[in-house]
């Protein structure tokens, strides 16, 4: 269970997933769309991609902790995005929305990204700048926060 210490569960993503599912079930006739086989496949692919990205992110840390890292991670998924674990949670929200046919979940995905950016990522970036200085600044300039072009 040591790998769980490196697996963040961002409260905004989790809360909006639970609220979105609740609203989806409560308002099944009001704000839903018919999930076609295409949406179902895309949703499953999003959730599968989220699992791969999360696992890859956790594995890239090995035995080191994400809380007080001694090394700046710039390899693996961190070559593509500075926040692969938060990105994976966003993919879960989008995938669940497509699978369930829920506008709620689809609408909550960008809201979760913004809340996570303002409440979590901003402080993490400040900490990493203090800890790794110019190395992190150079990393910030070359790797997108979420994914290209965002």
C-alpha atoms as a PDB file:
ATOM      1  CA  UNK A   1       0.000   0.000   0.000  1.00  0.00           C
ATOM      2  CA  UNK A   2       3.024   2.320  -0.135  1.00  0.00           C
ATOM      3  CA  UNK A   3       2.036   3.420  -3.642  1.00  0.00           C
ATOM      4  CA  UNK A   4      -1.138   5.012  -2.240  1.00  0.00           C
ATOM      5  CA  UNK A   5       0.903   7.746  -0.552  1.00  0.00           C
ATOM      6  CA  UNK A   6       1.798   9.009  -4.043  1.00  0.00           C
ATOM      7  CA  UNK A   7      -1.737   8.799  -5.393  1.00  0.00           C
ATOM      8  CA  UNK A   8      -3.495  12.105  -4.726  1.00  0.00           C
ATOM      9  CA  UNK A   9      -7.256  12.213  -4.661  1.00  0.00           C
ATOM     10  CA  UNK A  10      -8.045  15.852  -5.387  1.00  0.00           C
ATOM     11  CA  UNK A  11     -11.040  16.798  -3.308  1.00  0.00           C
ATOM     12  CA  UNK A  12     -12.549  19.060  -5.971  1.00  0.00           C
ATOM     13  CA  UNK A  13     -12.552  16.343  -8.600  1.00  0.00           C
ATOM     14  CA  UNK A  14     -13.919  13.758  -6.174  1.00  0.00           C
ATOM     15  CA  UNK A  15     -16.588  16.094  -4.776  1.00  0.00           C
ATOM     16  CA  UNK A  16     -17.767  17.151  -8.233  1.00  0.00           C
ATOM     17  CA  UNK A  17     -17.794  13.518  -9.390  1.00  0.00           C
ATOM     18  CA  UNK A  18     -20.038  12.554  -6.459  1.00  0.00           C
ATOM     19  CA  UNK A  19     -22.267  15.643  -6.803  1.00  0.00           C
ATOM     20  CA  UNK A  20     -22.438  15.190 -10.585  1.00  0.00           C
ATOM     21  CA  UNK A  21     -23.459  11.544 -10.265  1.00  0.00           C
ATOM     22  CA  UNK A  22     -26.045  12.501  -7.639  1.00  0.00           C
ATOM     23  CA  UNK A  23     -27.505  15.239  -9.821  1.00  0.00           C
ATOM     24  CA  UNK A  24     -27.435  12.923 -12.827  1.00  0.00           C
ATOM     25  CA  UNK A  25     -29.439  10.270 -10.978  1.00  0.00           C
ATOM     26  CA  UNK A  26     -31.788  12.837  -9.435  1.00  0.00           C
ATOM     27  CA  UNK A  27     -32.525  14.650 -12.701  1.00  0.00           C
ATOM     28  CA  UNK A  28     -32.426  11.770 -15.170  1.00  0.00           C
ATOM     29  CA  UNK A  29     -35.056  13.308 -17.421  1.00  0.00           C
ATOM     30  CA  UNK A  30     -33.872  16.907 -17.304  1.00  0.00           C
ATOM     31  CA  UNK A  31     -30.196  17.221 -18.146  1.00  0.00           C
ATOM     32  CA  UNK A  32     -29.076  13.988 -19.764  1.00  0.00           C
ATOM     33  CA  UNK A  33     -28.263  12.929 -23.280  1.00  0.00           C
ATOM     34  CA  UNK A  34     -28.502   9.537 -24.840  1.00  0.00           C
ATOM     35  CA  UNK A  35     -25.091   7.978 -24.605  1.00  0.00           C
ATOM     36  CA  UNK A  36     -24.440   6.410 -27.995  1.00  0.00           C
ATOM     37  CA  UNK A  37     -22.029   3.516 -28.520  1.00  0.00           C
ATOM     38  CA  UNK A  38     -19.492   6.073 -29.763  1.00  0.00           C
ATOM     39  CA  UNK A  39     -19.763   8.120 -26.554  1.00  0.00           C
ATOM     40  CA  UNK A  40     -19.562   4.908 -24.528  1.00  0.00           C
ATOM     41  CA  UNK A  41     -16.338   3.831 -26.271  1.00  0.00           C
ATOM     42  CA  UNK A  42     -14.789   7.308 -25.933  1.00  0.00           C
ATOM     43  CA  UNK A  43     -15.794   7.419 -22.256  1.00  0.00           C
ATOM     44  CA  UNK A  44     -14.248   4.016 -21.577  1.00  0.00           C
ATOM     45  CA  UNK A  45     -11.084   5.110 -23.410  1.00  0.00           C
ATOM     46  CA  UNK A  46     -10.910   8.268 -21.263  1.00  0.00           C
ATOM     47  CA  UNK A  47     -11.241   6.246 -18.051  1.00  0.00           C
ATOM     48  CA  UNK A  48      -8.678   3.696 -19.285  1.00  0.00           C
ATOM     49  CA  UNK A  49      -6.279   6.513 -20.219  1.00  0.00           C
ATOM     50  CA  UNK A  50      -6.790   7.990 -16.746  1.00  0.00           C
ATOM     51  CA  UNK A  51      -5.817   4.674 -15.147  1.00  0.00           C
ATOM     52  CA  UNK A  52      -2.723   4.398 -17.330  1.00  0.00           C
ATOM     53  CA  UNK A  53      -1.642   7.993 -16.665  1.00  0.00           C
ATOM     54  CA  UNK A  54      -2.211   7.655 -12.901  1.00  0.00           C
ATOM     55  CA  UNK A  55      -0.334   4.369 -12.685  1.00  0.00           C
ATOM     56  CA  UNK A  56       2.504   5.721 -14.810  1.00  0.00           C
ATOM     57  CA  UNK A  57       2.726   8.833 -12.636  1.00  0.00           C
ATOM     58  CA  UNK A  58       2.829   6.876  -9.383  1.00  0.00           C
ATOM     59  CA  UNK A  59       5.365   4.417 -10.810  1.00  0.00           C
ATOM     60  CA  UNK A  60       7.657   7.244 -11.944  1.00  0.00           C
ATOM     61  CA  UNK A  61       8.170   8.272  -8.317  1.00  0.00           C
ATOM     62  CA  UNK A  62       9.238   4.798  -7.233  1.00  0.00           C
ATOM     63  CA  UNK A  63       9.931   4.846  -3.509  1.00  0.00           C
ATOM     64  CA  UNK A  64      10.195   8.631  -3.318  1.00  0.00           C
ATOM     65  CA  UNK A  65       7.219  10.567  -1.999  1.00  0.00           C
ATOM     66  CA  UNK A  66       5.323  13.216  -3.942  1.00  0.00           C
ATOM     67  CA  UNK A  67       4.852  15.297  -0.793  1.00  0.00           C
ATOM     68  CA  UNK A  68       8.490  16.320  -0.207  1.00  0.00           C
ATOM     69  CA  UNK A  69      10.347  15.138  -3.329  1.00  0.00           C
ATOM     70  CA  UNK A  70      14.132  15.260  -3.411  1.00  0.00           C
ATOM     71  CA  UNK A  71      14.148  15.125  -7.199  1.00  0.00           C
ATOM     72  CA  UNK A  72      12.146  17.121  -9.716  1.00  0.00           C
ATOM     73  CA  UNK A  73      10.245  14.670 -11.899  1.00  0.00           C
ATOM     74  CA  UNK A  74      10.536  15.596 -15.564  1.00  0.00           C
ATOM     75  CA  UNK A  75      10.420  12.127 -17.090  1.00  0.00           C
ATOM     76  CA  UNK A  76       7.603   9.709 -17.877  1.00  0.00           C
ATOM     77  CA  UNK A  77       4.221  11.449 -17.957  1.00  0.00           C
ATOM     78  CA  UNK A  78       5.853  14.566 -16.528  1.00  0.00           C
ATOM     79  CA  UNK A  79       7.446  15.142 -19.944  1.00  0.00           C
ATOM     80  CA  UNK A  80       3.956  15.742 -21.339  1.00  0.00           C
ATOM     81  CA  UNK A  81       2.177  17.560 -18.514  1.00  0.00           C
ATOM     82  CA  UNK A  82       3.171  19.017 -15.157  1.00  0.00           C
ATOM     83  CA  UNK A  83       0.018  17.587 -13.564  1.00  0.00           C
ATOM     84  CA  UNK A  84      -0.626  14.109 -14.958  1.00  0.00           C
ATOM     85  CA  UNK A  85      -2.493  12.892 -11.876  1.00  0.00           C
ATOM     86  CA  UNK A  86      -4.915  15.825 -11.888  1.00  0.00           C
ATOM     87  CA  UNK A  87      -5.322  15.394 -15.638  1.00  0.00           C
ATOM     88  CA  UNK A  88      -6.228  11.750 -15.079  1.00  0.00           C
ATOM     89  CA  UNK A  89      -8.987  12.751 -12.629  1.00  0.00           C
ATOM     90  CA  UNK A  90     -10.354  15.170 -15.213  1.00  0.00           C
ATOM     91  CA  UNK A  91     -10.404  12.325 -17.743  1.00  0.00           C
ATOM     92  CA  UNK A  92     -12.362  10.228 -15.229  1.00  0.00           C
ATOM     93  CA  UNK A  93     -14.993  12.985 -14.950  1.00  0.00           C
ATOM     94  CA  UNK A  94     -15.230  13.345 -18.728  1.00  0.00           C
ATOM     95  CA  UNK A  95     -15.284   9.586 -19.270  1.00  0.00           C
ATOM     96  CA  UNK A  96     -17.955   9.029 -16.635  1.00  0.00           C
ATOM     97  CA  UNK A  97     -20.003  11.840 -18.189  1.00  0.00           C
ATOM     98  CA  UNK A  98     -19.841  10.253 -21.630  1.00  0.00           C
ATOM     99  CA  UNK A  99     -20.574   6.755 -20.305  1.00  0.00           C
ATOM    100  CA  UNK A 100     -23.547   7.916 -18.220  1.00  0.00           C
ATOM    101  CA  UNK A 101     -24.778  10.499 -20.711  1.00  0.00           C
ATOM    102  CA  UNK A 102     -24.494  13.197 -18.045  1.00  0.00           C
ATOM    103  CA  UNK A 103     -24.190  16.866 -18.893  1.00  0.00           C
ATOM    104  CA  UNK A 104     -23.556  17.435 -15.193  1.00  0.00           C
ATOM    105  CA  UNK A 105     -20.313  15.479 -15.200  1.00  0.00           C
ATOM    106  CA  UNK A 106     -19.169  16.970 -18.495  1.00  0.00           C
ATOM    107  CA  UNK A 107     -19.806  20.481 -17.159  1.00  0.00           C
ATOM    108  CA  UNK A 108     -18.104  19.732 -13.847  1.00  0.00           C
ATOM    109  CA  UNK A 109     -14.836  18.553 -15.480  1.00  0.00           C
ATOM    110  CA  UNK A 110     -13.594  22.051 -16.431  1.00  0.00           C
ATOM    111  CA  UNK A 111     -14.926  23.398 -13.127  1.00  0.00           C
ATOM    112  CA  UNK A 112     -12.824  20.790 -11.288  1.00  0.00           C
ATOM    113  CA  UNK A 113      -9.785  21.781 -13.363  1.00  0.00           C
ATOM    114  CA  UNK A 114     -10.202  25.450 -12.459  1.00  0.00           C
ATOM    115  CA  UNK A 115     -10.799  24.735  -8.754  1.00  0.00           C
ATOM    116  CA  UNK A 116      -7.780  22.423  -8.632  1.00  0.00           C
ATOM    117  CA  UNK A 117      -5.668  25.003 -10.434  1.00  0.00           C
ATOM    118  CA  UNK A 118      -6.624  27.829  -8.088  1.00  0.00           C
ATOM    119  CA  UNK A 119      -6.691  25.921  -4.805  1.00  0.00           C
ATOM    120  CA  UNK A 120      -4.066  23.179  -5.164  1.00  0.00           C
ATOM    121  CA  UNK A 121      -1.748  23.573  -8.141  1.00  0.00           C
ATOM    122  CA  UNK A 122      -0.929  27.215  -7.416  1.00  0.00           C
ATOM    123  CA  UNK A 123       0.453  26.336  -3.966  1.00  0.00           C
ATOM    124  CA  UNK A 124       2.229  23.242  -5.310  1.00  0.00           C
ATOM    125  CA  UNK A 125       3.941  25.337  -7.978  1.00  0.00           C
ATOM    126  CA  UNK A 126       5.010  27.889  -5.371  1.00  0.00           C
ATOM    127  CA  UNK A 127       6.497  25.093  -3.247  1.00  0.00           C
ATOM    128  CA  UNK A 128       8.303  23.555  -6.240  1.00  0.00           C
ATOM    129  CA  UNK A 129       9.701  26.942  -7.274  1.00  0.00           C
ATOM    130  CA  UNK A 130      11.073  27.424  -3.769  1.00  0.00           C
ATOM    131  CA  UNK A 131      12.449  23.888  -3.643  1.00  0.00           C
ATOM    132  CA  UNK A 132      13.935  23.560  -7.153  1.00  0.00           C
ATOM    133  CA  UNK A 133      14.316  27.202  -8.269  1.00  0.00           C
ATOM    134  CA  UNK A 134      15.543  27.744 -11.815  1.00  0.00           C
ATOM    135  CA  UNK A 135      15.276  24.037 -12.632  1.00  0.00           C
ATOM    136  CA  UNK A 136      11.517  24.154 -12.027  1.00  0.00           C
ATOM    137  CA  UNK A 137      11.180  27.533 -13.764  1.00  0.00           C
ATOM    138  CA  UNK A 138      12.795  26.073 -16.901  1.00  0.00           C
ATOM    139  CA  UNK A 139      10.524  23.025 -16.629  1.00  0.00           C
ATOM    140  CA  UNK A 140       7.460  25.299 -16.367  1.00  0.00           C
ATOM    141  CA  UNK A 141       8.487  27.057 -19.564  1.00  0.00           C
ATOM    142  CA  UNK A 142       8.791  23.843 -21.582  1.00  0.00           C
ATOM    143  CA  UNK A 143       6.016  21.581 -20.265  1.00  0.00           C
ATOM    144  CA  UNK A 144       2.329  22.619 -20.172  1.00  0.00           C
ATOM    145  CA  UNK A 145       0.481  22.686 -16.861  1.00  0.00           C
ATOM    146  CA  UNK A 146      -2.344  20.431 -18.062  1.00  0.00           C
ATOM    147  CA  UNK A 147      -1.810  19.525 -21.694  1.00  0.00           C
ATOM    148  CA  UNK A 148      -1.224  21.319 -24.948  1.00  0.00           C
ATOM    149  CA  UNK A 149      -2.501  23.980 -25.655  1.00  0.00           C
ATOM    150  CA  UNK A 150      -3.909  24.661 -22.167  1.00  0.00           C
END
